[in-house]
Amino acid sequence: MNDIIKSIEDAQLKAQVDEFHVGDTVKVYAKVKEGNKERTQVFEGTVLKRQNGGARENFTVRKNSNGVGVEKTWPLHSPVVEKIEVVRRGKVRRAKLTYLRNRVGKAAKVKEIVK
């Protein structure tokens, strides 16, 4: 039974997944359907967490929009997500940055990795 589920999930995986980590600032290009039209919407923010693995892997991105914190969670291998573009790399020491929800202004920033 487990092998059957694994083979079905492997068929759902994307061939090429953009590499990004927790703490990175990314642009997520997502397809949005409005009626019979389809367009691409960009959501730019900091990656708070990546969960699970394989076909079930999710990631959460947070941004500030008009003074209000907005978080969105997407399945990584979803056909809705066109591409993920890394704007800048972040230097963090933990896997989930939920503490950023309580921070405001400069305290909510993540240090950048300079190469």
PDB file of N, CA and C in Angstrom:
ATOM      1  N   MET A   1       0.829  -1.200   0.000  1.00  0.00           N
ATOM      2  CA  MET A   1       0.000   0.000   0.000  1.00  0.00           C
ATOM      3  C   MET A   1       0.867   1.255   0.000  1.00  0.00           C
ATOM      4  N   ASN A   2       1.907   1.264   0.818  1.00  0.00           N
ATOM      5  CA  ASN A   2       2.780   2.419   0.916  1.00  0.00           C
ATOM      6  C   ASN A   2       3.505   2.679  -0.402  1.00  0.00           C
ATOM      7  N   ASP A   3       3.901   1.624  -1.091  1.00  0.00           N
ATOM      8  CA  ASP A   3       4.600   1.779  -2.366  1.00  0.00           C
ATOM      9  C   ASP A   3       3.684   2.366  -3.430  1.00  0.00           C
ATOM     10  N   ILE A   4       2.422   2.016  -3.385  1.00  0.00           N
ATOM     11  CA  ILE A   4       1.455   2.543  -4.351  1.00  0.00           C
ATOM     12  C   ILE A   4       1.303   4.053  -4.164  1.00  0.00           C
ATOM     13  N   ILE A   5       1.142   4.491  -2.934  1.00  0.00           N
ATOM     14  CA  ILE A   5       0.997   5.922  -2.641  1.00  0.00           C
ATOM     15  C   ILE A   5       2.263   6.668  -3.038  1.00  0.00           C
ATOM     16  N   LYS A   6       3.415   6.077  -2.743  1.00  0.00           N
ATOM     17  CA  LYS A   6       4.694   6.721  -3.077  1.00  0.00           C
ATOM     18  C   LYS A   6       4.839   6.891  -4.587  1.00  0.00           C
ATOM     19  N   SER A   7       4.437   5.906  -5.361  1.00  0.00           N
ATOM     20  CA  SER A   7       4.561   5.997  -6.814  1.00  0.00           C
ATOM     21  C   SER A   7       3.612   7.058  -7.384  1.00  0.00           C
ATOM     22  N   ILE A   8       2.424   7.189  -6.795  1.00  0.00           N
ATOM     23  CA  ILE A   8       1.477   8.213  -7.245  1.00  0.00           C
ATOM     24  C   ILE A   8       2.019   9.601  -6.921  1.00  0.00           C
ATOM     25  N   GLU A   9       2.573   9.770  -5.706  1.00  0.00           N
ATOM     26  CA  GLU A   9       3.115  11.067  -5.303  1.00  0.00           C
ATOM     27  C   GLU A   9       4.327  11.445  -6.145  1.00  0.00           C
ATOM     28  N   ASP A  10       5.179  10.482  -6.492  1.00  0.00           N
ATOM     29  CA  ASP A  10       6.356  10.767  -7.308  1.00  0.00           C
ATOM     30  C   ASP A  10       5.968  11.276  -8.699  1.00  0.00           C
ATOM     31  N   ALA A  11       4.825  10.815  -9.195  1.00  0.00           N
ATOM     32  CA  ALA A  11       4.360  11.274 -10.500  1.00  0.00           C
ATOM     33  C   ALA A  11       3.899  12.729 -10.448  1.00  0.00           C
ATOM     34  N   GLN A  12       3.526  13.216  -9.261  1.00  0.00           N
ATOM     35  CA  GLN A  12       3.027  14.579  -9.101  1.00  0.00           C
ATOM     36  C   GLN A  12       4.141  15.606  -8.903  1.00  0.00           C
ATOM     37  N   LEU A  13       5.374  15.166  -8.645  1.00  0.00           N
ATOM     38  CA  LEU A  13       6.475  16.082  -8.366  1.00  0.00           C
ATOM     39  C   LEU A  13       6.865  16.889  -9.596  1.00  0.00           C
ATOM     40  N   LYS A  14       7.279  18.137  -9.363  1.00  0.00           N
ATOM     41  CA  LYS A  14       7.805  18.954 -10.449  1.00  0.00           C
ATOM     42  C   LYS A  14       9.204  18.466 -10.791  1.00  0.00           C
ATOM     43  N   ALA A  15       9.563  18.583 -12.052  1.00  0.00           N
ATOM     44  CA  ALA A  15      10.892  18.136 -12.483  1.00  0.00           C
ATOM     45  C   ALA A  15      11.978  19.054 -11.931  1.00  0.00           C
ATOM     46  N   GLN A  16      11.750  20.369 -11.980  1.00  0.00           N
ATOM     47  CA  GLN A  16      12.741  21.339 -11.521  1.00  0.00           C
ATOM     48  C   GLN A  16      12.110  22.234 -10.458  1.00  0.00           C
ATOM     49  N   VAL A  17      12.671  22.206  -9.255  1.00  0.00           N
ATOM     50  CA  VAL A  17      12.177  23.043  -8.160  1.00  0.00           C
ATOM     51  C   VAL A  17      13.239  24.093  -7.855  1.00  0.00           C
ATOM     52  N   ASP A  18      12.805  25.352  -7.745  1.00  0.00           N
ATOM     53  CA  ASP A  18      13.736  26.431  -7.438  1.00  0.00           C
ATOM     54  C   ASP A  18      14.266  26.270  -6.020  1.00  0.00           C
ATOM     55  N   GLU A  19      15.573  26.498  -5.842  1.00  0.00           N
ATOM     56  CA  GLU A  19      16.188  26.300  -4.536  1.00  0.00           C
ATOM     57  C   GLU A  19      16.078  27.575  -3.704  1.00  0.00           C
ATOM     58  N   PHE A  20      15.495  27.448  -2.515  1.00  0.00           N
ATOM     59  CA  PHE A  20      15.403  28.549  -1.570  1.00  0.00           C
ATOM     60  C   PHE A  20      15.347  27.962  -0.169  1.00  0.00           C
ATOM     61  N   HIS A  21      15.657  28.782   0.821  1.00  0.00           N
ATOM     62  CA  HIS A  21      15.712  28.328   2.198  1.00  0.00           C
ATOM     63  C   HIS A  21      14.894  29.255   3.090  1.00  0.00           C
ATOM     64  N   VAL A  22      14.726  28.857   4.330  1.00  0.00           N
ATOM     65  CA  VAL A  22      14.040  29.690   5.314  1.00  0.00           C
ATOM     66  C   VAL A  22      14.868  30.943   5.542  1.00  0.00           C
ATOM     67  N   GLY A  23      14.202  32.106   5.587  1.00  0.00           N
ATOM     68  CA  GLY A  23      14.884  33.375   5.790  1.00  0.00           C
ATOM     69  C   GLY A  23      15.147  34.124   4.504  1.00  0.00           C
ATOM     70  N   ASP A  24      15.026  33.451   3.360  1.00  0.00           N
ATOM     71  CA  ASP A  24      15.242  34.114   2.079  1.00  0.00           C
ATOM     72  C   ASP A  24      14.044  35.005   1.748  1.00  0.00           C
ATOM     73  N   THR A  25      14.321  36.099   1.047  1.00  0.00           N
ATOM     74  CA  THR A  25      13.249  36.920   0.499  1.00  0.00           C
ATOM     75  C   THR A  25      13.013  36.435  -0.923  1.00  0.00           C
ATOM     76  N   VAL A  26      11.774  36.042  -1.198  1.00  0.00           N
ATOM     77  CA  VAL A  26      11.457  35.435  -2.494  1.00  0.00           C
ATOM     78  C   VAL A  26      10.275  36.129  -3.148  1.00  0.00           C
ATOM     79  N   LYS A  27      10.204  35.977  -4.467  1.00  0.00           N
ATOM     80  CA  LYS A  27       9.025  36.365  -5.236  1.00  0.00           C
ATOM     81  C   LYS A  27       8.365  35.075  -5.698  1.00  0.00           C
ATOM     82  N   VAL A  28       7.116  34.890  -5.329  1.00  0.00           N
ATOM     83  CA  VAL A  28       6.366  33.704  -5.738  1.00  0.00           C
ATOM     84  C   VAL A  28       5.415  34.126  -6.852  1.00  0.00           C
ATOM     85  N   TYR A  29       5.584  33.525  -8.015  1.00  0.00           N
ATOM     86  CA  TYR A  29       4.717  33.791  -9.154  1.00  0.00           C
ATOM     87  C   TYR A  29       3.615  32.742  -9.144  1.00  0.00           C
ATOM     88  N   ALA A  30       2.389  33.172  -8.832  1.00  0.00           N
ATOM     89  CA  ALA A  30       1.267  32.241  -8.701  1.00  0.00           C
ATOM     90  C   ALA A  30       0.204  32.546  -9.752  1.00  0.00           C
ATOM     91  N   LYS A  31      -0.389  31.501 -10.287  1.00  0.00           N
ATOM     92  CA  LYS A  31      -1.477  31.656 -11.251  1.00  0.00           C
ATOM     93  C   LYS A  31      -2.769  31.934 -10.497  1.00  0.00           C
ATOM     94  N   VAL A  32      -3.513  32.930 -10.959  1.00  0.00           N
ATOM     95  CA  VAL A  32      -4.790  33.289 -10.344  1.00  0.00           C
ATOM     96  C   VAL A  32      -5.850  33.223 -11.423  1.00  0.00           C
ATOM     97  N   LYS A  33      -6.946  32.501 -11.143  1.00  0.00           N
ATOM     98  CA  LYS A  33      -8.053  32.419 -12.087  1.00  0.00           C
ATOM     99  C   LYS A  33      -9.148  33.369 -11.643  1.00  0.00           C
ATOM    100  N   GLU A  34      -9.581  34.222 -12.579  1.00  0.00           N
ATOM    101  CA  GLU A  34     -10.700  35.123 -12.337  1.00  0.00           C
ATOM    102  C   GLU A  34     -11.700  34.909 -13.457  1.00  0.00           C
ATOM    103  N   GLY A  35     -12.754  34.188 -13.145  1.00  0.00           N
ATOM    104  CA  GLY A  35     -13.718  33.836 -14.180  1.00  0.00           C
ATOM    105  C   GLY A  35     -13.089  32.871 -15.162  1.00  0.00           C
ATOM    106  N   ASN A  36     -13.046  33.271 -16.445  1.00  0.00           N
ATOM    107  CA  ASN A  36     -12.422  32.417 -17.447  1.00  0.00           C
ATOM    108  C   ASN A  36     -11.035  32.921 -17.833  1.00  0.00           C
ATOM    109  N   LYS A  37     -10.551  33.971 -17.156  1.00  0.00           N
ATOM    110  CA  LYS A  37      -9.223  34.511 -17.438  1.00  0.00           C
ATOM    111  C   LYS A  37      -8.225  33.991 -16.403  1.00  0.00           C
ATOM    112  N   GLU A  38      -6.983  33.910 -16.826  1.00  0.00           N
ATOM    113  CA  GLU A  38      -5.917  33.467 -15.930  1.00  0.00           C
ATOM    114  C   GLU A  38      -4.765  34.446 -16.028  1.00  0.00           C
ATOM    115  N   ARG A  39      -4.229  34.873 -14.860  1.00  0.00           N
ATOM    116  CA  ARG A  39      -3.108  35.795 -14.846  1.00  0.00           C
ATOM    117  C   ARG A  39      -2.110  35.365 -13.786  1.00  0.00           C
ATOM    118  N   THR A  40      -0.929  35.977 -13.801  1.00  0.00           N
ATOM    119  CA  THR A  40       0.114  35.664 -12.838  1.00  0.00           C
ATOM    120  C   THR A  40       0.190  36.787 -11.816  1.00  0.00           C
ATOM    121  N   GLN A  41       0.161  36.419 -10.547  1.00  0.00           N
ATOM    122  CA  GLN A  41       0.257  37.393  -9.465  1.00  0.00           C
ATOM    123  C   GLN A  41       1.547  37.125  -8.686  1.00  0.00           C
ATOM    124  N   VAL A  42       2.274  38.188  -8.369  1.00  0.00           N
ATOM    125  CA  VAL A  42       3.551  38.067  -7.664  1.00  0.00           C
ATOM    126  C   VAL A  42       3.337  38.394  -6.193  1.00  0.00           C
ATOM    127  N   PHE A  43       3.872  37.542  -5.324  1.00  0.00           N
ATOM    128  CA  PHE A  43       3.814  37.746  -3.873  1.00  0.00           C
ATOM    129  C   PHE A  43       5.250  37.728  -3.374  1.00  0.00           C
ATOM    130  N   GLU A  44       5.736  38.856  -2.873  1.00  0.00           N
ATOM    131  CA  GLU A  44       7.125  38.959  -2.427  1.00  0.00           C
ATOM    132  C   GLU A  44       7.173  39.094  -0.912  1.00  0.00           C
ATOM    133  N   GLY A  45       7.979  38.245  -0.276  1.00  0.00           N
ATOM    134  CA  GLY A  45       8.113  38.288   1.170  1.00  0.00           C
ATOM    135  C   GLY A  45       9.195  37.339   1.658  1.00  0.00           C
ATOM    136  N   THR A  46       9.249  37.182   2.981  1.00  0.00           N
ATOM    137  CA  THR A  46      10.256  36.346   3.626  1.00  0.00           C
ATOM    138  C   THR A  46       9.700  34.955   3.872  1.00  0.00           C
ATOM    139  N   VAL A  47      10.495  33.938   3.588  1.00  0.00           N
ATOM    140  CA  VAL A  47      10.080  32.552   3.820  1.00  0.00           C
ATOM    141  C   VAL A  47      10.164  32.282   5.322  1.00  0.00           C
ATOM    142  N   LEU A  48       9.022  31.962   5.945  1.00  0.00           N
ATOM    143  CA  LEU A  48       8.979  31.673   7.377  1.00  0.00           C
ATOM    144  C   LEU A  48       9.276  30.218   7.675  1.00  0.00           C
ATOM    145  N   LYS A  49       8.758  29.318   6.836  1.00  0.00           N
ATOM    146  CA  LYS A  49       8.962  27.894   7.113  1.00  0.00           C
ATOM    147  C   LYS A  49       8.755  27.062   5.861  1.00  0.00           C
ATOM    148  N   ARG A  50       9.385  25.890   5.886  1.00  0.00           N
ATOM    149  CA  ARG A  50       9.154  24.835   4.901  1.00  0.00           C
ATOM    150  C   ARG A  50       8.779  23.596   5.683  1.00  0.00           C
ATOM    151  N   GLN A  51       7.674  22.961   5.291  1.00  0.00           N
ATOM    152  CA  GLN A  51       7.175  21.812   6.035  1.00  0.00           C
ATOM    153  C   GLN A  51       7.083  20.588   5.148  1.00  0.00           C
ATOM    154  N   ASN A  52       7.131  19.424   5.800  1.00  0.00           N
ATOM    155  CA  ASN A  52       6.938  18.122   5.167  1.00  0.00           C
ATOM    156  C   ASN A  52       8.009  17.839   4.130  1.00  0.00           C
ATOM    157  N   GLY A  53       7.720  16.960   3.214  1.00  0.00           N
ATOM    158  CA  GLY A  53       8.677  16.598   2.184  1.00  0.00           C
ATOM    159  C   GLY A  53       7.965  15.906   1.053  1.00  0.00           C
ATOM    160  N   GLY A  54       8.659  15.717  -0.042  1.00  0.00           N
ATOM    161  CA  GLY A  54       8.072  15.040  -1.190  1.00  0.00           C
ATOM    162  C   GLY A  54       6.971  15.855  -1.834  1.00  0.00           C
ATOM    163  N   ALA A  55       5.905  15.208  -2.234  1.00  0.00           N
ATOM    164  CA  ALA A  55       4.803  15.876  -2.919  1.00  0.00           C
ATOM    165  C   ALA A  55       3.988  16.753  -1.978  1.00  0.00           C
ATOM    166  N   ARG A  56       4.119  16.532  -0.682  1.00  0.00           N
ATOM    167  CA  ARG A  56       3.325  17.272   0.298  1.00  0.00           C
ATOM    168  C   ARG A  56       4.043  18.492   0.868  1.00  0.00           C
ATOM    169  N   GLU A  57       5.186  18.841   0.322  1.00  0.00           N
ATOM    170  CA  GLU A  57       5.982  19.926   0.891  1.00  0.00           C
ATOM    171  C   GLU A  57       5.302  21.284   0.699  1.00  0.00           C
ATOM    172  N   ASN A  58       5.229  22.055   1.786  1.00  0.00           N
ATOM    173  CA  ASN A  58       4.635  23.386   1.784  1.00  0.00           C
ATOM    174  C   ASN A  58       5.671  24.412   2.191  1.00  0.00           C
ATOM    175  N   PHE A  59       5.435  25.660   1.825  1.00  0.00           N
ATOM    176  CA  PHE A  59       6.259  26.754   2.323  1.00  0.00           C
ATOM    177  C   PHE A  59       5.363  27.956   2.585  1.00  0.00           C
ATOM    178  N   THR A  60       5.731  28.744   3.601  1.00  0.00           N
ATOM    179  CA  THR A  60       4.951  29.911   4.010  1.00  0.00           C
ATOM    180  C   THR A  60       5.787  31.159   3.800  1.00  0.00           C
ATOM    181  N   VAL A  61       5.177  32.173   3.175  1.00  0.00           N
ATOM    182  CA  VAL A  61       5.835  33.448   2.909  1.00  0.00           C
ATOM    183  C   VAL A  61       5.041  34.546   3.596  1.00  0.00           C
ATOM    184  N   ARG A  62       5.770  35.489   4.234  1.00  0.00           N
ATOM    185  CA  ARG A  62       5.133  36.597   4.949  1.00  0.00           C
ATOM    186  C   ARG A  62       5.623  37.923   4.404  1.00  0.00           C
ATOM    187  N   LYS A  63       4.690  38.855   4.233  1.00  0.00           N
ATOM    188  CA  LYS A  63       5.046  40.211   3.822  1.00  0.00           C
ATOM    189  C   LYS A  63       4.178  41.209   4.577  1.00  0.00           C
ATOM    190  N   ASN A  64       4.595  42.465   4.571  1.00  0.00           N
ATOM    191  CA  ASN A  64       3.809  43.535   5.165  1.00  0.00           C
ATOM    192  C   ASN A  64       3.107  44.273   4.038  1.00  0.00           C
ATOM    193  N   SER A  65       1.790  44.371   4.109  1.00  0.00           N
ATOM    194  CA  SER A  65       1.014  45.053   3.088  1.00  0.00           C
ATOM    195  C   SER A  65       0.170  46.125   3.759  1.00  0.00           C
ATOM    196  N   ASN A  66       0.514  47.379   3.511  1.00  0.00           N
ATOM    197  CA  ASN A  66      -0.185  48.522   4.114  1.00  0.00           C
ATOM    198  C   ASN A  66      -0.236  48.438   5.636  1.00  0.00           C
ATOM    199  N   GLY A  67       0.865  48.025   6.244  1.00  0.00           N
ATOM    200  CA  GLY A  67       0.945  47.970   7.702  1.00  0.00           C
ATOM    201  C   GLY A  67       0.340  46.725   8.315  1.00  0.00           C
ATOM    202  N   VAL A  68      -0.139  45.813   7.490  1.00  0.00           N
ATOM    203  CA  VAL A  68      -0.757  44.582   7.978  1.00  0.00           C
ATOM    204  C   VAL A  68       0.081  43.409   7.499  1.00  0.00           C
ATOM    205  N   GLY A  69       0.422  42.488   8.409  1.00  0.00           N
ATOM    206  CA  GLY A  69       1.182  41.301   8.035  1.00  0.00           C
ATOM    207  C   GLY A  69       0.303  40.310   7.293  1.00  0.00           C
ATOM    208  N   VAL A  70       0.779  39.836   6.146  1.00  0.00           N
ATOM    209  CA  VAL A  70       0.033  38.879   5.329  1.00  0.00           C
ATOM    210  C   VAL A  70       0.903  37.645   5.126  1.00  0.00           C
ATOM    211  N   GLU A  71       0.347  36.472   5.412  1.00  0.00           N
ATOM    212  CA  GLU A  71       1.059  35.210   5.203  1.00  0.00           C
ATOM    213  C   GLU A  71       0.282  34.351   4.225  1.00  0.00           C
ATOM    214  N   LYS A  72       1.017  33.699   3.334  1.00  0.00           N
ATOM    215  CA  LYS A  72       0.394  32.749   2.411  1.00  0.00           C
ATOM    216  C   LYS A  72       1.206  31.470   2.435  1.00  0.00           C
ATOM    217  N   THR A  73       0.506  30.358   2.351  1.00  0.00           N
ATOM    218  CA  THR A  73       1.137  29.048   2.319  1.00  0.00           C
ATOM    219  C   THR A  73       0.787  28.375   1.001  1.00  0.00           C
ATOM    220  N   TRP A  74       1.815  27.877   0.320  1.00  0.00           N
ATOM    221  CA  TRP A  74       1.618  27.190  -0.951  1.00  0.00           C
ATOM    222  C   TRP A  74       2.220  25.800  -0.904  1.00  0.00           C
ATOM    223  N   PRO A  75       1.615  24.848  -1.609  1.00  0.00           N
ATOM    224  CA  PRO A  75       2.286  23.565  -1.844  1.00  0.00           C
ATOM    225  C   PRO A  75       3.409  23.804  -2.853  1.00  0.00           C
ATOM    226  N   LEU A  76       4.583  23.284  -2.568  1.00  0.00           N
ATOM    227  CA  LEU A  76       5.755  23.533  -3.413  1.00  0.00           C
ATOM    228  C   LEU A  76       5.585  22.964  -4.818  1.00  0.00           C
ATOM    229  N   HIS A  77       4.970  21.802  -4.942  1.00  0.00           N
ATOM    230  CA  HIS A  77       4.855  21.124  -6.233  1.00  0.00           C
ATOM    231  C   HIS A  77       3.515  21.380  -6.920  1.00  0.00           C
ATOM    232  N   SER A  78       2.793  22.403  -6.475  1.00  0.00           N
ATOM    233  CA  SER A  78       1.501  22.730  -7.048  1.00  0.00           C
ATOM    234  C   SER A  78       1.654  23.357  -8.427  1.00  0.00           C
ATOM    235  N   PRO A  79       0.746  23.054  -9.360  1.00  0.00           N
ATOM    236  CA  PRO A  79       0.791  23.713 -10.661  1.00  0.00           C
ATOM    237  C   PRO A  79       0.406  25.194 -10.574  1.00  0.00           C
ATOM    238  N   VAL A  80      -0.164  25.624  -9.463  1.00  0.00           N
ATOM    239  CA  VAL A  80      -0.522  27.028  -9.261  1.00  0.00           C
ATOM    240  C   VAL A  80       0.738  27.888  -9.140  1.00  0.00           C
ATOM    241  N   VAL A  81       1.788  27.343  -8.529  1.00  0.00           N
ATOM    242  CA  VAL A  81       3.049  28.068  -8.366  1.00  0.00           C
ATOM    243  C   VAL A  81       3.872  27.910  -9.646  1.00  0.00           C
ATOM    244  N   GLU A  82       4.025  29.016 -10.393  1.00  0.00           N
ATOM    245  CA  GLU A  82       4.789  28.961 -11.648  1.00  0.00           C
ATOM    246  C   GLU A  82       6.280  28.873 -11.366  1.00  0.00           C
ATOM    247  N   LYS A  83       6.782  29.845 -10.588  1.00  0.00           N
ATOM    248  CA  LYS A  83       8.201  29.835 -10.253  1.00  0.00           C
ATOM    249  C   LYS A  83       8.425  30.609  -8.964  1.00  0.00           C
ATOM    250  N   ILE A  84       9.582  30.366  -8.360  1.00  0.00           N
ATOM    251  CA  ILE A  84       9.984  31.040  -7.136  1.00  0.00           C
ATOM    252  C   ILE A  84      11.343  31.669  -7.409  1.00  0.00           C
ATOM    253  N   GLU A  85      11.398  32.978  -7.275  1.00  0.00           N
ATOM    254  CA  GLU A  85      12.620  33.725  -7.574  1.00  0.00           C
ATOM    255  C   GLU A  85      13.201  34.263  -6.269  1.00  0.00           C
ATOM    256  N   VAL A  86      14.456  33.940  -5.981  1.00  0.00           N
ATOM    257  CA  VAL A  86      15.100  34.412  -4.765  1.00  0.00           C
ATOM    258  C   VAL A  86      15.621  35.821  -4.997  1.00  0.00           C
ATOM    259  N   VAL A  87      15.145  36.773  -4.176  1.00  0.00           N
ATOM    260  CA  VAL A  87      15.569  38.163  -4.278  1.00  0.00           C
ATOM    261  C   VAL A  87      16.847  38.368  -3.476  1.00  0.00           C
ATOM    262  N   ARG A  88      16.864  37.862  -2.231  1.00  0.00           N
ATOM    263  CA  ARG A  88      18.066  37.936  -1.405  1.00  0.00           C
ATOM    264  C   ARG A  88      18.094  36.774  -0.430  1.00  0.00           C
ATOM    265  N   ARG A  89      19.298  36.354  -0.072  1.00  0.00           N
ATOM    266  CA  ARG A  89      19.491  35.228   0.842  1.00  0.00           C
ATOM    267  C   ARG A  89      19.503  35.740   2.278  1.00  0.00           C
ATOM    268  N   GLY A  90      18.866  35.020   3.166  1.00  0.00           N
ATOM    269  CA  GLY A  90      18.828  35.415   4.563  1.00  0.00           C
ATOM    270  C   GLY A  90      19.671  34.507   5.431  1.00  0.00           C
ATOM    271  N   LYS A  91      20.263  35.085   6.476  1.00  0.00           N
ATOM    272  CA  LYS A  91      21.087  34.315   7.410  1.00  0.00           C
ATOM    273  C   LYS A  91      20.261  34.085   8.672  1.00  0.00           C
ATOM    274  N   VAL A  92      19.840  32.847   8.873  1.00  0.00           N
ATOM    275  CA  VAL A  92      19.037  32.493  10.042  1.00  0.00           C
ATOM    276  C   VAL A  92      19.606  31.238  10.685  1.00  0.00           C
ATOM    277  N   ARG A  93      19.242  31.030  11.950  1.00  0.00           N
ATOM    278  CA  ARG A  93      19.782  29.895  12.688  1.00  0.00           C
ATOM    279  C   ARG A  93      18.695  28.944  13.161  1.00  0.00           C
ATOM    280  N   ARG A  94      17.503  29.085  12.615  1.00  0.00           N
ATOM    281  CA  ARG A  94      16.437  28.167  12.995  1.00  0.00           C
ATOM    282  C   ARG A  94      15.572  27.807  11.792  1.00  0.00           C
ATOM    283  N   ALA A  95      14.783  26.774  11.949  1.00  0.00           N
ATOM    284  CA  ALA A  95      14.018  26.227  10.832  1.00  0.00           C
ATOM    285  C   ALA A  95      12.698  26.955  10.608  1.00  0.00           C
ATOM    286  N   LYS A  96      12.138  27.558  11.648  1.00  0.00           N
ATOM    287  CA  LYS A  96      10.858  28.249  11.519  1.00  0.00           C
ATOM    288  C   LYS A  96      10.963  29.617  12.178  1.00  0.00           C
ATOM    289  N   LEU A  97      10.620  30.636  11.434  1.00  0.00           N
ATOM    290  CA  LEU A  97      10.782  32.012  11.898  1.00  0.00           C
ATOM    291  C   LEU A  97       9.457  32.603  12.367  1.00  0.00           C
ATOM    292  N   THR A  98       8.722  31.880  13.186  1.00  0.00           N
ATOM    293  CA  THR A  98       7.422  32.360  13.643  1.00  0.00           C
ATOM    294  C   THR A  98       7.547  33.580  14.547  1.00  0.00           C
ATOM    295  N   TYR A  99       8.726  33.814  15.129  1.00  0.00           N
ATOM    296  CA  TYR A  99       8.916  34.964  16.002  1.00  0.00           C
ATOM    297  C   TYR A  99       8.829  36.286  15.230  1.00  0.00           C
ATOM    298  N   LEU A 100       8.968  36.253  13.900  1.00  0.00           N
ATOM    299  CA  LEU A 100       8.875  37.469  13.100  1.00  0.00           C
ATOM    300  C   LEU A 100       7.464  38.048  13.105  1.00  0.00           C
ATOM    301  N   ARG A 101       6.480  37.235  13.457  1.00  0.00           N
ATOM    302  CA  ARG A 101       5.097  37.718  13.507  1.00  0.00           C
ATOM    303  C   ARG A 101       4.920  38.787  14.573  1.00  0.00           C
ATOM    304  N   ASN A 102       5.711  38.723  15.635  1.00  0.00           N
ATOM    305  CA  ASN A 102       5.584  39.668  16.740  1.00  0.00           C
ATOM    306  C   ASN A 102       6.479  40.893  16.575  1.00  0.00           C
ATOM    307  N   ARG A 103       7.296  40.939  15.542  1.00  0.00           N
ATOM    308  CA  ARG A 103       8.246  42.034  15.351  1.00  0.00           C
ATOM    309  C   ARG A 103       7.695  43.068  14.371  1.00  0.00           C
ATOM    310  N   VAL A 104       8.119  44.322  14.574  1.00  0.00           N
ATOM    311  CA  VAL A 104       7.656  45.418  13.726  1.00  0.00           C
ATOM    312  C   VAL A 104       8.872  46.215  13.260  1.00  0.00           C
ATOM    313  N   GLY A 105       8.837  46.732  12.046  1.00  0.00           N
ATOM    314  CA  GLY A 105       9.877  47.620  11.542  1.00  0.00           C
ATOM    315  C   GLY A 105      11.194  46.903  11.290  1.00  0.00           C
ATOM    316  N   LYS A 106      12.301  47.545  11.721  1.00  0.00           N
ATOM    317  CA  LYS A 106      13.623  46.981  11.464  1.00  0.00           C
ATOM    318  C   LYS A 106      13.866  45.692  12.234  1.00  0.00           C
ATOM    319  N   ALA A 107      13.172  45.511  13.354  1.00  0.00           N
ATOM    320  CA  ALA A 107      13.338  44.291  14.139  1.00  0.00           C
ATOM    321  C   ALA A 107      12.821  43.065  13.390  1.00  0.00           C
ATOM    322  N   ALA A 108      11.952  43.277  12.396  1.00  0.00           N
ATOM    323  CA  ALA A 108      11.382  42.169  11.625  1.00  0.00           C
ATOM    324  C   ALA A 108      12.257  41.778  10.447  1.00  0.00           C
ATOM    325  N   LYS A 109      13.414  42.438  10.293  1.00  0.00           N
ATOM    326  CA  LYS A 109      14.305  42.118   9.179  1.00  0.00           C
ATOM    327  C   LYS A 109      15.150  40.894   9.488  1.00  0.00           C
ATOM    328  N   VAL A 110      15.598  40.236   8.427  1.00  0.00           N
ATOM    329  CA  VAL A 110      16.513  39.103   8.519  1.00  0.00           C
ATOM    330  C   VAL A 110      17.825  39.546   7.907  1.00  0.00           C
ATOM    331  N   LYS A 111      18.954  39.219   8.561  1.00  0.00           N
ATOM    332  CA  LYS A 111      20.265  39.590   8.021  1.00  0.00           C
ATOM    333  C   LYS A 111      20.475  38.919   6.678  1.00  0.00           C
ATOM    334  N   GLU A 112      21.196  39.631   5.799  1.00  0.00           N
ATOM    335  CA  GLU A 112      21.456  39.116   4.464  1.00  0.00           C
ATOM    336  C   GLU A 112      22.812  38.437   4.407  1.00  0.00           C
ATOM    337  N   ILE A 113      22.887  37.345   3.673  1.00  0.00           N
ATOM    338  CA  ILE A 113      24.156  36.661   3.436  1.00  0.00           C
ATOM    339  C   ILE A 113      24.872  37.410   2.318  1.00  0.00           C
ATOM    340  N   VAL A 114      26.062  37.916   2.605  1.00  0.00           N
ATOM    341  CA  VAL A 114      26.826  38.643   1.588  1.00  0.00           C
ATOM    342  C   VAL A 114      27.890  37.712   1.052  1.00  0.00           C
ATOM    343  N   LYS A 115      27.920  37.530  -0.269  1.00  0.00           N
ATOM    344  CA  LYS A 115      28.903  36.637  -0.886  1.00  0.00           C
ATOM    345  C   LYS A 115      29.889  37.428  -1.700  1.00  0.00           C
TER     346      LYS A 115
END
